[in-house]
Amino acid sequence: MKVKYFPDTDTAHVEFKDNNVLETKEISENIDIDIDVKGNLVGMTIEHAKANAELWEFSFQEMPQQTA
């Protein structure tokens, strides 16, 4: 996964897979998702990222598996 932030446009792009994008769908006024030929989520673009996603800080934490 790759996260890119473009400060000049306050846009964030999250790339989940390195697949070719077949279609981009508008989810809301400021959020678009990219879908591949199999219907899998490839990426997501967030416009006005600091305001809409509170993108002031980014962290990644892998959570341990829970056992029953």
Protein backbone atom coordinates (compact mmCIF):
# COMPACT_ATOMS: atom_id res chain seq x y z
CA MET A 1 0.00 0.00 0.00
CA LYS A 2 1.22 3.48 -0.87
CA VAL A 3 -0.10 6.79 0.41
CA LYS A 4 0.73 9.98 -1.48
CA TYR A 5 -0.19 13.46 -0.35
CA PHE A 6 -0.14 16.46 -2.70
CA PRO A 7 -0.07 19.65 -0.58
CA ASP A 8 -0.60 22.00 -3.54
CA THR A 9 -4.10 20.55 -4.08
CA ASP A 10 -4.67 19.08 -0.58
CA THR A 11 -5.28 15.69 -2.22
CA ALA A 12 -4.42 12.26 -0.84
CA HIS A 13 -4.18 9.11 -2.92
CA VAL A 14 -4.10 5.65 -1.35
CA GLU A 15 -2.93 2.87 -3.66
CA PHE A 16 -3.94 -0.57 -2.40
CA LYS A 17 -2.79 -2.61 -5.40
CA ASP A 18 -0.63 -1.98 -8.44
CA ASN A 19 -3.33 -3.16 -10.85
CA ASN A 20 -4.58 -1.37 -13.94
CA VAL A 21 -7.62 0.79 -13.24
CA LEU A 22 -10.69 -0.09 -15.30
CA GLU A 23 -13.05 2.46 -13.78
CA THR A 24 -13.10 5.34 -11.32
CA LYS A 25 -16.29 5.79 -9.31
CA GLU A 26 -17.33 8.87 -7.37
CA ILE A 27 -18.31 7.81 -3.86
CA SER A 28 -19.01 11.31 -2.62
CA GLU A 29 -18.24 14.86 -3.70
CA ASN A 30 -14.61 14.55 -2.52
CA ILE A 31 -13.91 10.80 -2.66
CA ASP A 32 -13.27 8.65 -5.73
CA ILE A 33 -12.32 4.97 -5.83
CA ASP A 34 -10.46 3.09 -8.56
CA ILE A 35 -11.65 -0.41 -9.52
CA ASP A 36 -9.82 -3.04 -11.57
CA VAL A 37 -11.26 -5.39 -14.20
CA LYS A 38 -12.27 -7.92 -11.49
CA GLY A 39 -14.08 -5.29 -9.43
CA ASN A 40 -11.35 -5.09 -6.80
CA LEU A 41 -10.49 -1.84 -5.06
CA VAL A 42 -7.20 -0.50 -6.47
CA GLY A 43 -7.04 3.00 -5.00
CA MET A 44 -8.86 5.89 -3.38
CA THR A 45 -8.49 9.63 -3.91
CA ILE A 46 -9.54 12.12 -1.23
CA GLU A 47 -9.90 15.77 -2.22
CA HIS A 48 -9.53 18.41 0.52
CA ALA A 49 -7.83 15.67 2.53
CA LYS A 50 -6.91 17.68 5.60
CA ALA A 51 -10.50 18.84 6.10
CA ASN A 52 -12.33 15.69 4.97
CA ALA A 53 -10.06 12.99 6.35
CA GLU A 54 -8.31 14.98 9.07
CA LEU A 55 -5.08 14.02 7.33
CA TRP A 56 -2.72 15.77 9.69
CA GLU A 57 -0.85 12.64 10.66
CA PHE A 58 -0.63 9.17 9.16
CA SER A 59 0.32 5.97 10.96
CA PHE A 60 0.08 2.29 10.16
CA GLN A 61 -0.43 -0.42 12.74
CA GLU A 62 -0.90 -4.11 11.99
CA MET A 63 -3.17 -5.61 14.60
CA PRO A 64 -2.47 -9.07 16.03
CA GLN A 65 -4.79 -11.89 15.08
CA GLN A 66 -7.48 -12.63 17.60
CA THR A 67 -7.98 -16.22 18.66
CA ALA A 68 -11.31 -17.65 19.73
